[in-house]
Amino acid sequence: MSEGILLPPLARGTLLPAPARVARLDAALPQIRAALEGERDEIAIQATLACLLWETLAQTNWCGFYRRTGDAVLTVGPYQGTMGCLRIDFARGVCGACARTKSVQLVPDVTKFEGHIACDDRTRSELVVPVVVRGELRAVLDLDSPHLDAFSREEADRLVALVSEVLS
């Protein structure tokens, strides 16, 4: 699948209504699964997911992974977008909260999230999905958007299922 996701192209930053975003993600998921079929290398999977989700979720200005590299430290991994934070302590930010609790963080307005880390000042909303393998946090999938309320619970649920399937 070297051609990437076969969806109608959208300009980077386009915020579709939630039902259209979910439908776009639903259309991309079989293609994403097919691209990753049989792959076992965690970094290759993360890099491919970051790329294909970037193509699918046009509302994002950052899409990628922070890998657990210490007891309570995340280190930037494969991603698409502008410069990310290099390291994030579990005690800080939306990614840290996800890592600490091993639960999805769906933040419609990051200015209302105490301790939000502004790696990119344009980010207004964020979705972070834990990557848990056999009960152990391995990474988080971080999605940022310059739009308020750019992610839905339906998108979060689909990404939780995808990450669980391809990274466990």
Protein backbone atom coordinates (compact mmCIF):
# COMPACT_ATOMS: atom_id res chain seq x y z
CA MET A 1 0.00 0.00 0.00
CA SER A 2 2.68 2.50 -0.89
CA GLU A 3 0.04 4.88 -2.19
CA GLY A 4 -1.18 5.56 1.35
CA ILE A 5 -4.83 5.82 2.28
CA LEU A 6 -7.26 5.87 -0.62
CA LEU A 7 -9.63 8.58 0.56
CA PRO A 8 -10.65 11.86 -1.01
CA PRO A 9 -7.86 14.30 -0.14
CA LEU A 10 -8.54 17.03 2.41
CA ALA A 11 -6.47 20.12 3.09
CA ARG A 12 -4.44 19.83 6.28
CA GLY A 13 -6.39 21.41 9.12
CA THR A 14 -9.84 20.72 7.67
CA LEU A 15 -12.34 20.06 10.45
CA LEU A 16 -15.22 17.96 9.18
CA PRO A 17 -18.36 17.47 11.28
CA ALA A 18 -17.98 14.56 13.71
CA PRO A 19 -20.13 12.08 11.71
CA ALA A 20 -18.08 12.76 8.56
CA ARG A 21 -14.81 12.32 10.49
CA VAL A 22 -16.01 9.00 11.89
CA ALA A 23 -17.11 7.84 8.43
CA ARG A 24 -13.71 8.82 7.01
CA LEU A 25 -11.92 6.90 9.77
CA ASP A 26 -14.21 3.90 9.23
CA ALA A 27 -13.31 3.93 5.51
CA ALA A 28 -9.59 4.07 6.30
CA LEU A 29 -9.47 1.37 9.00
CA PRO A 30 -9.57 -1.67 6.65
CA GLN A 31 -6.78 -0.08 4.60
CA ILE A 32 -4.71 0.61 7.71
CA ARG A 33 -5.18 -2.97 8.93
CA ALA A 34 -4.19 -4.30 5.50
CA ALA A 35 -1.03 -2.18 5.45
CA LEU A 36 0.00 -3.53 8.87
CA GLU A 37 -0.99 -7.15 8.34
CA GLY A 38 1.79 -9.45 9.49
CA GLU A 39 4.05 -6.64 10.74
CA ARG A 40 5.49 -7.26 14.22
CA ASP A 41 8.09 -4.50 14.61
CA GLU A 42 6.63 -1.99 17.08
CA ILE A 43 8.43 1.06 15.64
CA ALA A 44 7.44 0.16 12.07
CA ILE A 45 3.83 -0.17 13.18
CA GLN A 46 3.91 3.14 15.05
CA ALA A 47 5.52 4.94 12.09
CA THR A 48 2.97 3.52 9.66
CA LEU A 49 0.06 4.33 11.96
CA ALA A 50 1.30 7.90 12.43
CA CYS A 51 1.52 8.35 8.66
CA LEU A 52 -1.82 6.77 7.77
CA LEU A 53 -3.75 8.42 10.59
CA TRP A 54 -2.19 11.76 9.57
CA GLU A 55 -3.62 11.22 6.07
CA THR A 56 -7.00 10.19 7.46
CA LEU A 57 -7.50 12.73 10.25
CA ALA A 58 -6.95 16.03 8.43
CA GLN A 59 -7.93 18.04 11.50
CA THR A 60 -4.66 17.13 13.22
CA ASN A 61 -1.57 19.30 13.48
CA TRP A 62 0.33 16.51 15.29
CA CYS A 63 -0.22 12.77 15.10
CA GLY A 64 2.11 10.23 16.60
CA PHE A 65 3.51 8.30 19.49
CA TYR A 66 5.33 8.94 22.71
CA ARG A 67 7.07 5.75 23.85
CA ARG A 68 7.56 4.78 27.48
CA THR A 69 11.32 4.89 28.06
CA GLY A 70 11.49 4.98 31.85
CA ASP A 71 9.40 4.38 34.95
CA ALA A 72 7.50 7.62 34.44
CA VAL A 73 8.89 9.12 31.22
CA LEU A 74 7.62 9.25 27.65
CA THR A 75 10.00 9.98 24.75
CA VAL A 76 8.88 11.17 21.35
CA GLY A 77 8.51 8.39 18.82
CA PRO A 78 7.30 8.19 15.23
CA TYR A 79 5.05 11.12 14.34
CA GLN A 80 3.81 13.51 11.68
CA GLY A 81 3.56 17.26 12.25
CA THR A 82 5.60 20.02 13.79
CA MET A 83 8.27 19.54 16.44
CA GLY A 84 6.97 17.60 19.42
CA CYS A 85 8.13 17.65 23.00
CA LEU A 86 11.16 15.38 23.31
CA ARG A 87 10.28 14.00 26.74
CA ILE A 88 7.15 14.12 28.85
CA ASP A 89 7.00 13.15 32.51
CA PHE A 90 3.93 11.14 33.54
CA ALA A 91 3.12 13.96 36.00
CA ARG A 92 2.67 16.54 33.21
CA GLY A 93 0.26 17.25 30.42
CA VAL A 94 -2.43 15.29 28.64
CA CYS A 95 0.00 12.58 27.50
CA GLY A 96 1.28 12.22 31.05
CA ALA A 97 -2.27 11.86 32.37
CA CYS A 98 -2.96 9.16 29.78
CA ALA A 99 0.24 7.33 30.69
CA ARG A 100 -0.41 7.64 34.43
CA THR A 101 -4.01 6.41 34.28
CA LYS A 102 -3.77 4.15 31.22
CA SER A 103 -7.03 5.75 30.09
CA VAL A 104 -8.09 7.76 27.06
CA GLN A 105 -7.80 11.50 27.45
CA LEU A 106 -10.32 13.37 25.26
CA VAL A 107 -9.74 17.10 25.77
CA PRO A 108 -12.02 19.42 23.76
CA ASP A 109 -10.21 22.57 24.99
CA VAL A 110 -6.62 22.21 26.18
CA THR A 111 -6.72 25.61 27.91
CA LYS A 112 -9.09 24.01 30.43
CA PHE A 113 -6.76 21.08 31.13
CA GLU A 114 -4.62 21.94 34.14
CA GLY A 115 -0.97 21.34 33.37
CA HIS A 116 -1.36 21.12 29.59
CA ILE A 117 2.03 21.22 27.85
CA ALA A 118 2.03 23.48 24.79
CA CYS A 119 4.47 21.76 22.46
CA ASP A 120 2.69 23.66 19.66
CA ASP A 121 0.90 26.86 20.69
CA ARG A 122 -1.67 26.34 17.92
CA THR A 123 -3.11 23.20 19.53
CA ARG A 124 -6.63 23.70 20.91
CA SER A 125 -7.84 20.12 21.46
CA GLU A 126 -6.23 16.76 22.03
CA LEU A 127 -6.94 13.04 22.05
CA VAL A 128 -4.48 10.64 23.68
CA VAL A 129 -4.91 6.85 23.56
CA PRO A 130 -2.86 4.50 25.77
CA VAL A 131 -0.95 1.64 24.16
CA VAL A 132 -1.11 -1.15 26.74
CA VAL A 133 0.39 -4.58 26.09
CA ARG A 134 -0.27 -7.33 28.64
CA GLY A 135 -1.19 -4.72 31.25
CA GLU A 136 1.96 -2.66 30.71
CA LEU A 137 1.90 0.84 29.22
CA ARG A 138 4.21 0.83 26.17
CA ALA A 139 3.33 4.18 24.57
CA VAL A 140 0.59 6.70 23.95
CA LEU A 141 -0.92 7.75 20.63
CA ASP A 142 -1.23 11.54 20.70
CA LEU A 143 -3.46 13.52 18.34
CA ASP A 144 -3.51 17.32 18.49
CA SER A 145 -5.68 19.78 16.55
CA PRO A 146 -5.72 23.55 16.09
CA HIS A 147 -9.55 23.36 16.40
CA LEU A 148 -11.60 23.20 19.57
CA ASP A 149 -13.48 19.92 20.07
CA ALA A 150 -11.81 18.26 17.06
CA PHE A 151 -12.13 14.67 18.31
CA SER A 152 -15.16 12.63 19.28
CA ARG A 153 -15.69 9.69 21.62
CA GLU A 154 -16.50 7.59 18.53
CA GLU A 155 -13.08 8.39 17.02
CA ALA A 156 -11.44 7.63 20.35
CA ASP A 157 -13.20 4.26 20.61
CA ARG A 158 -12.12 3.25 17.10
CA LEU A 159 -8.51 4.25 17.78
CA VAL A 160 -8.47 2.33 21.07
CA ALA A 161 -9.62 -0.79 19.20
CA LEU A 162 -7.10 -0.26 16.39
CA VAL A 163 -4.14 0.30 18.72
CA SER A 164 -5.12 -2.70 20.82
CA GLU A 165 -5.34 -4.87 17.72
CA VAL A 166 -2.14 -3.88 15.92
CA LEU A 167 0.20 -3.14 18.83
CA SER A 168 -0.56 -5.99 21.22
